C-alpha atoms as a PDB file:
ATOM      1  CA  MET A   1     -35.657  -2.966  64.559  1.00  0.00           C
ATOM      2  CA  THR A   2     -35.383   0.030  62.261  1.00  0.00           C
ATOM      3  CA  ALA A   3     -38.317   2.303  61.470  1.00  0.00           C
ATOM      4  CA  PRO A   4     -39.265   2.640  57.786  1.00  0.00           C
ATOM      5  CA  HIS A   5     -36.907   4.895  55.888  1.00  0.00           C
ATOM      6  CA  ARG A   6     -38.567   7.907  54.373  1.00  0.00           C
ATOM      7  CA  ASP A   7     -37.739  11.526  53.751  1.00  0.00           C
ATOM      8  CA  ARG A   8     -39.283  13.787  56.335  1.00  0.00           C
ATOM      9  CA  TRP A   9     -39.643  17.447  55.555  1.00  0.00           C
ATOM     10  CA  LEU A  10     -40.621  20.209  57.935  1.00  0.00           C
ATOM     11  CA  TYR A  11     -42.959  22.553  56.217  1.00  0.00           C
ATOM     12  CA  THR A  12     -43.070  26.181  57.612  1.00  0.00           C
ATOM     13  CA  VAL A  13     -45.883  28.301  56.238  1.00  0.00           C
ATOM     14  CA  ALA A  14     -45.599  32.090  56.475  1.00  0.00           C
ATOM     15  CA  LEU A  15     -48.943  33.812  56.612  1.00  0.00           C
ATOM     16  CA  THR A  16     -48.505  37.500  55.710  1.00  0.00           C
ATOM     17  CA  GLY A  17     -50.555  40.242  54.089  1.00  0.00           C
ATOM     18  CA  ALA A  18     -52.634  43.262  55.017  1.00  0.00           C
ATOM     19  CA  LEU A  19     -56.337  43.384  55.698  1.00  0.00           C
ATOM     20  CA  VAL A  20     -57.985  45.205  52.796  1.00  0.00           C
ATOM     21  CA  PRO A  21     -61.481  46.634  53.549  1.00  0.00           C
ATOM     22  CA  LEU A  22     -64.028  45.761  50.926  1.00  0.00           C
ATOM     23  CA  VAL A  23     -67.006  48.123  50.446  1.00  0.00           C
ATOM     24  CA  PHE A  24     -70.023  47.207  48.414  1.00  0.00           C
ATOM     25  CA  ALA A  25     -72.392  49.961  47.172  1.00  0.00           C
ATOM     26  CA  ALA A  26     -76.088  49.596  47.829  1.00  0.00           C
ATOM     27  CA  CYS A  27     -78.518  49.768  44.956  1.00  0.00           C
ATOM     28  CA  SER A  28     -79.154  53.521  45.117  1.00  0.00           C
ATOM     29  CA  SER A  29     -78.795  56.514  42.928  1.00  0.00           C
ATOM     30  CA  THR A  30     -76.921  58.316  45.647  1.00  0.00           C
ATOM     31  CA  PRO A  31     -73.170  57.670  45.484  1.00  0.00           C
ATOM     32  CA  PRO A  32     -71.847  56.065  48.663  1.00  0.00           C
ATOM     33  CA  GLU A  33     -69.962  57.942  51.240  1.00  0.00           C
ATOM     34  CA  PRO A  34     -66.199  57.414  50.965  1.00  0.00           C
ATOM     35  CA  VAL A  35     -64.888  55.012  53.583  1.00  0.00           C
ATOM     36  CA  PRO A  36     -61.940  56.317  55.566  1.00  0.00           C
ATOM     37  CA  PRO A  37     -58.925  54.027  55.869  1.00  0.00           C
ATOM     38  CA  PRO A  38     -58.601  52.149  59.173  1.00  0.00           C
ATOM     39  CA  HIS A  39     -56.631  53.830  61.913  1.00  0.00           C
ATOM     40  CA  PRO A  40     -53.111  52.315  61.926  1.00  0.00           C
ATOM     41  CA  THR A  41     -53.237  51.550  65.630  1.00  0.00           C
ATOM     42  CA  SER A  42     -56.789  50.302  65.890  1.00  0.00           C
ATOM     43  CA  ALA A  43     -57.890  46.711  65.399  1.00  0.00           C
ATOM     44  CA  PRO A  44     -60.339  45.932  62.591  1.00  0.00           C
ATOM     45  CA  ALA A  45     -63.983  45.932  63.578  1.00  0.00           C
ATOM     46  CA  THR A  46     -64.339  42.349  62.363  1.00  0.00           C
ATOM     47  CA  THR A  47     -61.808  39.656  61.579  1.00  0.00           C
ATOM     48  CA  SER A  48     -61.966  36.102  60.327  1.00  0.00           C
ATOM     49  CA  SER A  49     -61.457  33.171  62.709  1.00  0.00           C
ATOM     50  CA  ALA A  50     -58.293  32.167  60.801  1.00  0.00           C
ATOM     51  CA  THR A  51     -56.824  35.623  61.335  1.00  0.00           C
ATOM     52  CA  ALA A  52     -57.834  35.651  64.977  1.00  0.00           C
ATOM     53  CA  GLU A  53     -55.858  32.425  65.643  1.00  0.00           C
ATOM     54  CA  ILE A  54     -52.602  33.737  64.213  1.00  0.00           C
ATOM     55  CA  PRO A  55     -50.379  35.150  66.965  1.00  0.00           C
ATOM     56  CA  ASP A  56     -48.365  38.308  66.494  1.00  0.00           C
ATOM     57  CA  ALA A  57     -45.314  37.137  64.525  1.00  0.00           C
ATOM     58  CA  GLY A  58     -43.409  40.387  64.720  1.00  0.00           C
ATOM     59  CA  PRO A  59     -42.114  42.303  61.722  1.00  0.00           C
ATOM     60  CA  SER A  60     -43.441  41.063  58.393  1.00  0.00           C
ATOM     61  CA  ASP A  61     -39.978  40.771  56.834  1.00  0.00           C
ATOM     62  CA  ALA A  62     -38.697  38.258  59.411  1.00  0.00           C
ATOM     63  CA  ALA A  63     -37.853  34.799  58.061  1.00  0.00           C
ATOM     64  CA  PRO A  64     -40.310  32.100  59.225  1.00  0.00           C
ATOM     65  CA  GLU A  65     -37.637  30.032  60.969  1.00  0.00           C
ATOM     66  CA  GLU A  66     -36.517  33.033  62.997  1.00  0.00           C
ATOM     67  CA  ALA A  67     -39.707  32.778  64.995  1.00  0.00           C
ATOM     68  CA  ASN A  68     -38.264  29.652  66.716  1.00  0.00           C
ATOM     69  CA  PRO A  69     -34.497  29.543  66.262  1.00  0.00           C
ATOM     70  CA  THR A  70     -34.167  26.430  68.451  1.00  0.00           C
ATOM     71  CA  ALA A  71     -36.460  24.271  66.294  1.00  0.00           C
ATOM     72  CA  GLN A  72     -34.621  21.339  64.663  1.00  0.00           C
ATOM     73  CA  VAL A  73     -35.582  19.217  61.683  1.00  0.00           C
ATOM     74  CA  PRO A  74     -35.579  15.546  62.784  1.00  0.00           C
ATOM     75  CA  GLU A  75     -33.178  13.271  60.944  1.00  0.00           C
ATOM     76  CA  PRO A  76     -34.847  10.674  58.721  1.00  0.00           C
ATOM     77  CA  PRO A  77     -34.709   7.060  59.957  1.00  0.00           C
ATOM     78  CA  ARG A  78     -31.806   4.926  58.774  1.00  0.00           C
ATOM     79  CA  ALA A  79     -32.384   2.402  55.988  1.00  0.00           C
ATOM     80  CA  CYS A  80     -30.281  -0.123  57.946  1.00  0.00           C
ATOM     81  CA  PRO A  81     -29.336  -0.693  61.597  1.00  0.00           C
ATOM     82  CA  GLU A  82     -26.185   1.057  62.769  1.00  0.00           C
ATOM     83  CA  ASP A  83     -24.147  -2.168  62.694  1.00  0.00           C
ATOM     84  CA  MET A  84     -25.023  -2.807  59.039  1.00  0.00           C
ATOM     85  CA  LEU A  85     -24.323  -1.124  55.696  1.00  0.00           C
ATOM     86  CA  LEU A  86     -26.745  -0.224  52.935  1.00  0.00           C
ATOM     87  CA  ILE A  87     -26.040  -1.849  49.564  1.00  0.00           C
ATOM     88  CA  ASP A  88     -28.019  -0.166  46.816  1.00  0.00           C
ATOM     89  CA  GLY A  89     -27.091  -0.755  43.193  1.00  0.00           C
ATOM     90  CA  ASP A  90     -26.984  -3.268  40.350  1.00  0.00           C
ATOM     91  CA  TYR A  91     -25.797  -6.860  40.474  1.00  0.00           C
ATOM     92  CA  CYS A  92     -24.251  -8.151  37.220  1.00  0.00           C
ATOM     93  CA  THR A  93     -25.434 -11.655  36.282  1.00  0.00           C
ATOM     94  CA  GLU A  94     -22.557 -12.317  33.871  1.00  0.00           C
ATOM     95  CA  LEU A  95     -19.184 -10.636  34.344  1.00  0.00           C
ATOM     96  CA  GLN A  96     -16.375 -10.782  31.798  1.00  0.00           C
ATOM     97  CA  MET A  97     -12.993 -10.876  33.573  1.00  0.00           C
ATOM     98  CA  THR A  98      -9.788 -11.154  31.542  1.00  0.00           C
ATOM     99  CA  CYS A  99      -6.799 -12.630  33.382  1.00  0.00           C
ATOM    100  CA  LEU A 100      -3.417 -11.169  32.411  1.00  0.00           C
ATOM    101  CA  LYS A 101      -1.205 -13.163  34.779  1.00  0.00           C
ATOM    102  CA  SER A 102      -1.856 -16.423  36.635  1.00  0.00           C
ATOM    103  CA  TRP A 103      -0.210 -19.321  38.483  1.00  0.00           C
ATOM    104  CA  TYR A 104      -1.199 -22.901  39.193  1.00  0.00           C
ATOM    105  CA  ALA A 105      -1.847 -24.268  42.698  1.00  0.00           C
ATOM    106  CA  PRO A 106      -1.254 -28.042  42.445  1.00  0.00           C
ATOM    107  CA  GLN A 107      -2.496 -28.754  45.984  1.00  0.00           C
ATOM    108  CA  ASN A 108      -5.958 -27.581  44.993  1.00  0.00           C
ATOM    109  CA  ARG A 109      -5.702 -28.133  41.235  1.00  0.00           C
ATOM    110  CA  LYS A 110      -6.682 -24.515  40.667  1.00  0.00           C
ATOM    111  CA  THR A 111      -5.376 -21.790  38.389  1.00  0.00           C
ATOM    112  CA  ILE A 112      -5.113 -18.594  40.413  1.00  0.00           C
ATOM    113  CA  CYS A 113      -5.348 -15.276  38.576  1.00  0.00           C
ATOM    114  CA  GLU A 114      -2.800 -12.806  39.879  1.00  0.00           C
ATOM    115  CA  VAL A 115      -3.642  -9.808  37.662  1.00  0.00           C
ATOM    116  CA  PHE A 116      -6.928  -8.993  35.932  1.00  0.00           C
ATOM    117  CA  GLN A 117      -7.427  -6.558  33.086  1.00  0.00           C
ATOM    118  CA  GLU A 118      -9.067  -3.335  34.194  1.00  0.00           C
ATOM    119  CA  PRO A 119     -11.979  -2.803  33.983  1.00  0.00           C
ATOM    120  CA  THR A 120     -14.206  -5.855  33.980  1.00  0.00           C
ATOM    121  CA  LYS A 121     -17.248  -5.821  31.684  1.00  0.00           C
ATOM    122  CA  CYS A 122     -20.823  -6.707  32.580  1.00  0.00           C
ATOM    123  CA  THR A 123     -22.099  -8.860  29.691  1.00  0.00           C
ATOM    124  CA  GLY A 124     -25.245 -10.092  31.439  1.00  0.00           C
ATOM    125  CA  ASP A 125     -28.271  -8.442  32.957  1.00  0.00           C
ATOM    126  CA  LYS A 126     -28.027  -5.843  35.696  1.00  0.00           C
ATOM    127  CA  VAL A 127     -30.410  -6.621  38.539  1.00  0.00           C
ATOM    128  CA  LYS A 128     -31.368  -3.891  40.989  1.00  0.00           C
ATOM    129  CA  LYS A 129     -30.708  -4.843  44.621  1.00  0.00           C
ATOM    130  CA  ARG A 130     -31.174  -2.938  47.874  1.00  0.00           C
ATOM    131  CA  TYR A 131     -30.425  -4.619  51.201  1.00  0.00           C
ATOM    132  CA  CYS A 132     -28.486  -4.355  54.453  1.00  0.00           C
ATOM    133  CA  ILE A 133     -25.323  -6.361  55.193  1.00  0.00           C
ATOM    134  CA  ASP A 134     -23.115  -6.814  58.243  1.00  0.00           C
ATOM    135  CA  ARG A 135     -19.934  -4.793  58.063  1.00  0.00           C
ATOM    136  CA  TYR A 136     -17.913  -7.684  59.528  1.00  0.00           C
ATOM    137  CA  GLU A 137     -18.218 -11.448  59.802  1.00  0.00           C
ATOM    138  CA  TYR A 138     -20.328 -12.812  62.653  1.00  0.00           C
ATOM    139  CA  PRO A 139     -20.532 -11.628  65.433  1.00  0.00           C
ATOM    140  CA  ASN A 140     -20.124  -8.436  63.377  1.00  0.00           C
ATOM    141  CA  LYS A 141     -17.860  -6.632  65.827  1.00  0.00           C
ATOM    142  CA  LYS A 142     -14.623  -4.872  64.978  1.00  0.00           C
ATOM    143  CA  GLY A 143     -11.695  -6.515  66.767  1.00  0.00           C
ATOM    144  CA  ALA A 144     -13.575  -9.768  67.394  1.00  0.00           C
ATOM    145  CA  ARG A 145     -12.518 -13.129  65.999  1.00  0.00           C
ATOM    146  CA  PRO A 146     -14.886 -14.348  63.266  1.00  0.00           C
ATOM    147  CA  GLU A 147     -16.965 -17.193  64.681  1.00  0.00           C
ATOM    148  CA  VAL A 148     -16.371 -20.544  62.968  1.00  0.00           C
ATOM    149  CA  MET A 149     -17.624 -24.146  63.263  1.00  0.00           C
ATOM    150  CA  ASN A 150     -21.281 -23.370  62.543  1.00  0.00           C
ATOM    151  CA  ASN A 151     -23.048 -25.249  59.783  1.00  0.00           C
ATOM    152  CA  PHE A 152     -25.527 -23.529  57.499  1.00  0.00           C
ATOM    153  CA  TYR A 153     -28.629 -24.200  59.605  1.00  0.00           C
ATOM    154  CA  GLN A 154     -26.899 -23.040  62.778  1.00  0.00           C
ATOM    155  CA  ALA A 155     -25.720 -19.870  61.044  1.00  0.00           C
ATOM    156  CA  GLN A 156     -29.292 -19.222  59.890  1.00  0.00           C
ATOM    157  CA  VAL A 157     -30.565 -19.457  63.465  1.00  0.00           C
ATOM    158  CA  LEU A 158     -27.868 -17.097  64.757  1.00  0.00           C
ATOM    159  CA  CYS A 159     -28.817 -14.514  62.120  1.00  0.00           C
ATOM    160  CA  ALA A 160     -32.527 -14.956  62.830  1.00  0.00           C
ATOM    161  CA  LYS A 161     -31.971 -14.164  66.512  1.00  0.00           C
ATOM    162  CA  GLN A 162     -30.994 -10.672  65.347  1.00  0.00           C
ATOM    163  CA  ASP A 163     -33.944 -10.447  62.951  1.00  0.00           C
ATOM    164  CA  LYS A 164     -31.529 -10.995  60.064  1.00  0.00           C
ATOM    165  CA  ARG A 165     -30.832 -13.791  57.605  1.00  0.00           C
ATOM    166  CA  ILE A 166     -27.902 -15.389  55.850  1.00  0.00           C
ATOM    167  CA  CYS A 167     -26.849 -13.291  52.832  1.00  0.00           C
ATOM    168  CA  SER A 168     -27.617 -14.767  49.430  1.00  0.00           C
ATOM    169  CA  GLU A 169     -24.696 -15.549  47.157  1.00  0.00           C
ATOM    170  CA  THR A 170     -25.446 -12.641  44.811  1.00  0.00           C
ATOM    171  CA  GLU A 171     -25.798 -10.208  47.713  1.00  0.00           C
ATOM    172  CA  TRP A 172     -22.426 -11.339  49.051  1.00  0.00           C
ATOM    173  CA  THR A 173     -20.791 -11.004  45.623  1.00  0.00           C
ATOM    174  CA  MET A 174     -22.256  -7.559  44.969  1.00  0.00           C
ATOM    175  CA  ALA A 175     -21.102  -6.218  48.344  1.00  0.00           C
ATOM    176  CA  CYS A 176     -17.587  -7.525  47.616  1.00  0.00           C
ATOM    177  CA  GLU A 177     -17.248  -6.350  44.003  1.00  0.00           C
ATOM    178  CA  GLY A 178     -18.598  -2.866  44.601  1.00  0.00           C
ATOM    179  CA  PRO A 179     -20.429  -0.794  41.969  1.00  0.00           C
ATOM    180  CA  THR A 180     -17.618  -1.241  39.398  1.00  0.00           C
ATOM    181  CA  TYR A 181     -17.429  -5.068  39.657  1.00  0.00           C
ATOM    182  CA  LYS A 182     -13.852  -5.498  40.835  1.00  0.00           C
ATOM    183  CA  PRO A 183     -12.440  -9.048  41.016  1.00  0.00           C
ATOM    184  CA  TYR A 184     -11.060  -8.284  44.481  1.00  0.00           C
ATOM    185  CA  PRO A 185     -12.675  -5.762  46.823  1.00  0.00           C
ATOM    186  CA  TYR A 186      -9.482  -3.678  46.701  1.00  0.00           C
ATOM    187  CA  GLY A 187      -8.883  -3.846  42.938  1.00  0.00           C
ATOM    188  CA  TYR A 188      -7.529  -5.972  40.102  1.00  0.00           C
ATOM    189  CA  ILE A 189      -4.223  -7.342  41.453  1.00  0.00           C
ATOM    190  CA  ARG A 190      -4.264 -10.152  44.010  1.00  0.00           C
ATOM    191  CA  ASP A 191      -2.592  -9.132  47.277  1.00  0.00           C
ATOM    192  CA  SER A 192      -2.617 -11.595  50.177  1.00  0.00           C
ATOM    193  CA  LYS A 193      -1.193  -8.919  52.473  1.00  0.00           C
ATOM    194  CA  LYS A 194      -4.320  -6.802  52.076  1.00  0.00           C
ATOM    195  CA  CYS A 195      -6.720  -9.694  52.698  1.00  0.00           C
ATOM    196  CA  ASN A 196      -5.113 -12.392  54.837  1.00  0.00           C
ATOM    197  CA  GLY A 197      -4.182 -15.271  52.504  1.00  0.00           C
ATOM    198  CA  ASP A 198      -1.499 -17.521  50.980  1.00  0.00           C
ATOM    199  CA  ARG A 199      -0.684 -19.174  54.309  1.00  0.00           C
ATOM    200  CA  PRO A 200       0.663 -22.750  54.486  1.00  0.00           C
ATOM    201  CA  TRP A 201      -1.567 -25.801  54.895  1.00  0.00           C
ATOM    202  CA  ASP A 202      -1.498 -27.254  58.408  1.00  0.00           C
ATOM    203  CA  TYR A 203      -3.025 -30.755  58.100  1.00  0.00           C
ATOM    204  CA  PRO A 204      -6.143 -30.709  60.294  1.00  0.00           C
ATOM    205  CA  SER A 205      -7.446 -33.730  62.171  1.00  0.00           C
ATOM    206  CA  LYS A 206     -10.890 -34.311  60.722  1.00  0.00           C
ATOM    207  CA  ASP A 207     -11.900 -36.631  63.540  1.00  0.00           C
ATOM    208  CA  LYS A 208     -11.191 -33.926  66.120  1.00  0.00           C
ATOM    209  CA  LEU A 209     -12.958 -31.304  64.066  1.00  0.00           C
ATOM    210  CA  TRP A 210     -16.160 -33.343  63.757  1.00  0.00           C
ATOM    211  CA  LYS A 211     -16.135 -33.553  67.537  1.00  0.00           C
ATOM    212  CA  ARG A 212     -15.658 -29.782  67.692  1.00  0.00           C
ATOM    213  CA  ASP A 213     -12.414 -30.153  69.571  1.00  0.00           C
ATOM    214  CA  ALA A 214     -11.606 -26.614  70.772  1.00  0.00           C
ATOM    215  CA  ALA A 215      -7.877 -27.279  71.074  1.00  0.00           C
ATOM    216  CA  GLU A 216      -7.675 -28.464  67.464  1.00  0.00           C
ATOM    217  CA  VAL A 217      -9.621 -25.443  66.211  1.00  0.00           C
ATOM    218  CA  GLU A 218      -7.255 -23.172  68.129  1.00  0.00           C
ATOM    219  CA  ARG A 219      -4.188 -24.956  66.748  1.00  0.00           C
ATOM    220  CA  LEU A 220      -5.401 -24.468  63.181  1.00  0.00           C
ATOM    221  CA  TRP A 221      -6.431 -20.842  63.541  1.00  0.00           C
ATOM    222  CA  GLN A 222      -4.482 -18.484  61.230  1.00  0.00           C
ATOM    223  CA  GLY A 223      -7.051 -15.711  61.013  1.00  0.00           C
ATOM    224  CA  VAL A 224      -6.930 -12.093  62.122  1.00  0.00           C
ATOM    225  CA  PRO A 225      -9.550 -10.040  64.026  1.00  0.00           C
ATOM    226  CA  SER A 226     -12.406  -8.503  62.084  1.00  0.00           C
ATOM    227  CA  GLY A 227     -11.706  -5.017  60.772  1.00  0.00           C
ATOM    228  CA  SER A 228      -7.959  -5.214  61.440  1.00  0.00           C
ATOM    229  CA  GLN A 229      -7.106  -5.133  57.698  1.00  0.00           C
ATOM    230  CA  PRO A 230      -7.660  -1.519  56.582  1.00  0.00           C
ATOM    231  CA  ASP A 231      -7.161  -2.350  52.883  1.00  0.00           C
ATOM    232  CA  CYS A 232      -9.413  -5.407  52.881  1.00  0.00           C
ATOM    233  CA  VAL A 233     -12.599  -3.431  52.365  1.00  0.00           C
ATOM    234  CA  SER A 234     -14.940  -3.092  49.399  1.00  0.00           C
ATOM    235  CA  ASP A 235     -16.109   0.150  47.848  1.00  0.00           C
ATOM    236  CA  TYR A 236     -19.368  -0.351  49.753  1.00  0.00           C
ATOM    237  CA  GLY A 237     -17.434  -0.395  53.047  1.00  0.00           C
ATOM    238  CA  VAL A 238     -17.715  -4.140  53.817  1.00  0.00           C
ATOM    239  CA  TYR A 239     -14.642  -5.705  55.475  1.00  0.00           C
ATOM    240  CA  ASP A 240     -12.789  -9.014  55.234  1.00  0.00           C
ATOM    241  CA  MET A 241     -14.754 -10.661  52.451  1.00  0.00           C
ATOM    242  CA  PRO A 242     -12.110 -12.737  50.616  1.00  0.00           C
ATOM    243  CA  GLY A 243      -9.256 -14.247  52.596  1.00  0.00           C
ATOM    244  CA  ASN A 244      -9.124 -14.683  56.356  1.00  0.00           C
ATOM    245  CA  ALA A 245     -12.208 -16.846  57.125  1.00  0.00           C
ATOM    246  CA  ASP A 246     -14.281 -18.434  54.374  1.00  0.00           C
ATOM    247  CA  GLU A 247     -18.015 -17.638  54.491  1.00  0.00           C
ATOM    248  CA  LEU A 248     -21.396 -19.289  54.038  1.00  0.00           C
ATOM    249  CA  ALA A 249     -24.114 -17.784  51.855  1.00  0.00           C
ATOM    250  CA  GLY A 250     -27.501 -18.866  50.542  1.00  0.00           C
ATOM    251  CA  SER A 251     -27.412 -20.575  47.154  1.00  0.00           C
ATOM    252  CA  GLU A 252     -29.408 -19.125  44.284  1.00  0.00           C
ATOM    253  CA  HIS A 253     -28.083 -21.652  41.781  1.00  0.00           C
ATOM    254  CA  TYR A 254     -30.862 -23.976  40.664  1.00  0.00           C
ATOM    255  CA  GLY A 255     -30.642 -27.015  38.485  1.00  0.00           C
ATOM    256  CA  ASP A 256     -27.633 -29.254  39.101  1.00  0.00           C
ATOM    257  CA  LYS A 257     -26.642 -27.568  42.401  1.00  0.00           C
ATOM    258  CA  LYS A 258     -28.762 -29.267  45.040  1.00  0.00           C
ATOM    259  CA  TYR A 259     -27.702 -27.659  48.326  1.00  0.00           C
ATOM    260  CA  ASP A 260     -29.167 -24.572  49.975  1.00  0.00           C
ATOM    261  CA  ASN A 261     -25.773 -23.035  50.706  1.00  0.00           C
ATOM    262  CA  VAL A 262     -22.503 -22.077  49.059  1.00  0.00           C
ATOM    263  CA  THR A 263     -19.102 -21.165  50.456  1.00  0.00           C
ATOM    264  CA  THR A 264     -17.645 -17.908  49.211  1.00  0.00           C
ATOM    265  CA  GLY A 265     -14.570 -15.716  49.627  1.00  0.00           C
ATOM    266  CA  GLY A 266     -11.960 -18.359  50.399  1.00  0.00           C
ATOM    267  CA  PRO A 267      -9.946 -18.918  53.604  1.00  0.00           C
ATOM    268  CA  TRP A 268      -6.414 -17.891  54.538  1.00  0.00           C
ATOM    269  CA  TYR A 269      -4.613 -20.710  52.680  1.00  0.00           C
ATOM    270  CA  LYS A 270      -2.379 -20.481  49.629  1.00  0.00           C
ATOM    271  CA  GLY A 271      -3.832 -21.394  46.262  1.00  0.00           C
ATOM    272  CA  VAL A 272      -7.534 -20.888  47.055  1.00  0.00           C
ATOM    273  CA  ARG A 273     -10.232 -18.595  45.594  1.00  0.00           C
ATOM    274  CA  ASN A 274      -9.844 -15.410  47.671  1.00  0.00           C
ATOM    275  CA  GLN A 275     -11.907 -13.544  45.081  1.00  0.00           C
ATOM    276  CA  CYS A 276     -15.367 -12.001  45.094  1.00  0.00           C
ATOM    277  CA  ARG A 277     -17.231 -14.045  42.485  1.00  0.00           C
ATOM    278  CA  PRO A 278     -16.120 -17.731  42.651  1.00  0.00           C
ATOM    279  CA  LYS A 279     -18.271 -20.065  44.783  1.00  0.00           C
ATOM    280  CA  ILE A 280     -18.194 -23.685  45.946  1.00  0.00           C
ATOM    281  CA  TYR A 281     -21.515 -25.521  45.639  1.00  0.00           C
ATOM    282  CA  ASP A 282     -20.435 -28.995  46.797  1.00  0.00           C
ATOM    283  CA  HIS A 283     -20.711 -28.743  50.606  1.00  0.00           C
ATOM    284  CA  ASN A 284     -24.025 -29.780  52.097  1.00  0.00           C
ATOM    285  CA  GLU A 285     -25.839 -27.816  54.781  1.00  0.00           C
ATOM    286  CA  GLY A 286     -24.204 -29.798  57.600  1.00  0.00           C
ATOM    287  CA  PHE A 287     -20.677 -28.739  56.638  1.00  0.00           C
ATOM    288  CA  GLN A 288     -18.907 -26.901  59.441  1.00  0.00           C
ATOM    289  CA  TYR A 289     -15.189 -26.207  59.545  1.00  0.00           C
ATOM    290  CA  TYR A 290     -12.497 -24.388  61.443  1.00  0.00           C
ATOM    291  CA  TYR A 291     -12.062 -21.653  58.822  1.00  0.00           C
ATOM    292  CA  LEU A 292     -15.740 -21.278  57.879  1.00  0.00           C
ATOM    293  CA  SER A 293     -17.689 -18.244  59.118  1.00  0.00           C
ATOM    294  CA  PHE A 294     -20.642 -16.208  57.801  1.00  0.00           C
ATOM    295  CA  ARG A 295     -22.270 -12.780  57.900  1.00  0.00           C
ATOM    296  CA  CYS A 296     -25.906 -11.684  57.992  1.00  0.00           C
ATOM    297  CA  CYS A 297     -28.133  -9.567  55.761  1.00  0.00           C
ATOM    298  CA  LYS A 298     -31.645  -8.140  56.101  1.00  0.00           C
ATOM    299  CA  GLU A 299     -34.230  -6.100  54.247  1.00  0.00           C
ATOM    300  CA  THR A 300     -34.041  -2.302  54.252  1.00  0.00           C
ATOM    301  CA  ASP A 301     -36.358   0.340  55.653  1.00  0.00           C
ATOM    302  CA  GLY A 302     -37.887  -1.823  58.355  1.00  0.00           C
ATOM    303  CA  LYS A 303     -39.392  -4.345  55.940  1.00  0.00           C
ATOM    304  CA  PRO A 304     -39.902  -7.837  57.399  1.00  0.00           C
ATOM    305  CA  THR A 305     -36.992 -10.241  56.927  1.00  0.00           C
ATOM    306  CA  ASP A 306     -37.659 -13.910  56.163  1.00  0.00           C
ATOM    307  CA  PRO A 307     -34.837 -15.906  57.855  1.00  0.00           C
ATOM    308  CA  ARG A 308     -34.970 -18.659  55.243  1.00  0.00           C
ATOM    309  CA  ALA A 309     -32.559 -18.972  52.310  1.00  0.00           C
ATOM    310  CA  PRO A 310     -33.787 -18.422  48.718  1.00  0.00           C
ATOM    311  CA  LYS A 311     -34.134 -22.101  47.808  1.00  0.00           C
ATOM    312  CA  GLN A 312     -35.849 -22.869  51.116  1.00  0.00           C
ATOM    313  CA  VAL A 313     -38.388 -20.133  50.417  1.00  0.00           C
ATOM    314  CA  LYS A 314     -38.996 -21.410  46.895  1.00  0.00           C
ATOM    315  CA  ARG A 315     -39.787 -24.951  48.013  1.00  0.00           C
ATOM    316  CA  GLY A 316     -41.777 -23.778  51.045  1.00  0.00           C
ATOM    317  CA  GLN A 317     -39.581 -25.289  53.749  1.00  0.00           C
ATOM    318  CA  SER A 318     -40.830 -24.370  57.216  1.00  0.00           C
ATOM    319  CA  TRP A 319     -38.719 -22.439  59.700  1.00  0.00           C
ATOM    320  CA  GLU A 320     -39.562 -25.053  62.330  1.00  0.00           C
ATOM    321  CA  LYS A 321     -37.836 -27.694  60.208  1.00  0.00           C
ATOM    322  CA  ILE A 322     -34.754 -25.493  59.920  1.00  0.00           C
ATOM    323  CA  LEU A 323     -34.682 -25.039  63.701  1.00  0.00           C
ATOM    324  CA  PHE A 324     -34.842 -28.818  64.110  1.00  0.00           C
ATOM    325  CA  LEU A 325     -32.026 -29.350  61.611  1.00  0.00           C
ATOM    326  CA  ALA A 326     -29.880 -26.714  63.324  1.00  0.00           C
ATOM    327  CA  GLU A 327     -30.080 -28.737  66.524  1.00  0.00           C
ATOM    328  CA  HIS A 328     -29.727 -32.203  65.009  1.00  0.00           C
ATOM    329  CA  SER A 329     -27.665 -31.699  61.840  1.00  0.00           C
ATOM    330  CA  LEU A 330     -24.245 -32.953  62.937  1.00  0.00           C
ATOM    331  CA  ASP A 331     -25.013 -36.220  61.195  1.00  0.00           C
ATOM    332  CA  LEU A 332     -25.253 -34.351  57.879  1.00  0.00           C
ATOM    333  CA  ARG A 333     -21.472 -33.931  57.793  1.00  0.00           C
ATOM    334  CA  PRO A 334     -19.872 -34.700  54.400  1.00  0.00           C
ATOM    335  CA  LEU A 335     -17.759 -37.826  54.204  1.00  0.00           C
ATOM    336  CA  LYS A 336     -14.796 -35.920  52.826  1.00  0.00           C
ATOM    337  CA  PRO A 337     -14.448 -32.116  52.824  1.00  0.00           C
ATOM    338  CA  LYS A 338     -13.728 -30.588  49.444  1.00  0.00           C
ATOM    339  CA  ALA A 339     -10.693 -28.444  48.772  1.00  0.00           C
ATOM    340  CA  PRO A 340     -11.150 -24.865  50.067  1.00  0.00           C
END
C-alpha cells in the first residue's frame, strides 16, 4: 500500500552572527569605565545555552548544505503504486463530437464514425477527478495476455485482492480521452492498426463458452499482448483501452439502466465501438465472455479504497454478498449476449 502523498521539505537553518557585549550603566554620577572589546581568541565569559549547543560550523560564509555534502532530501511518496498511473483532471459530463465521415456496420446495426472534427467541445459540467488506474488490462503486466472470462463480481474480487476496485465508467472514459477529450486515445481518426480492431467475426459456440471451454476460448482469441501497441495509448499513458479486449467498468448511470456494470472500449471485431465514450448497459453482472477483460482503479495518496462499485455503494450492498455472488453467479448468465 502507498504512503500518503505529501510534499516533504528539508529545512536547513543557518545560525550566524557575532556576540555583542551589552553594558548597562549603574545609577551613579560617575561615568562608567569603558569596556574593552573581547580578545579575538578568547571565549566569552558567559554564553547562552542555545549558543553553547551550536557546534563550530567553520567559516561564516559557508553555505548551510556544505556542512554535510552527503545529505539527501528524501523523495516524496508516490500518489499511486508503481504499477498504476495518476489521473488528475476534469471529466466532461457532456461532450459534443461532430462526425465528418462514417460508415454503417450492418452486422451490428451501428454507424461507425471514421473521422471526427477536431477539437471536441465540452458542453456539460467539468467534474474534478483524481485517482489511480492500471496501465494495462488485468493482470496489468506488459507482454501478458489480458485475462478474459470473468464476470463483473469475479473481476471485483480480483481487484480487491490487490486493494483496488473496478474502475467506474467515467474514470475509464477520462483516462481514455485524455485532458483534451479525444474520441480515440490516439486522436480523431479511427485507426484499427493502432488499437487492434476490425477483425472478422468467428462464430463462437455459446454452449462451450458458458462451460468455460478453454479450447474454444483459445480458438476465438484474436487479441495481442498488453502494451504491444505503442500507438494505442492515451495522453495519460494508459494502454489498450479501445480495441483488443473489451472491458468491464462500474456503472454510474441511474434511472433506466439497472445493472451495476457496463462494457466499454469495444473488442477486436469489425463494426464495433472501439471508442472512448460509448458504453453498453445491457449486460448483467453475470456476463462473462471470451473477449471481455477489465482493469482496476484505486484512490490516491494511500486513502482507503472501497472495492464496491458506485451503485453498490449507493444502495448499501455488502461486500460479503458480492463475494457470494462471485462464487455462485454463473447462473446469472444472459440468455442471449448482445452485440459487442
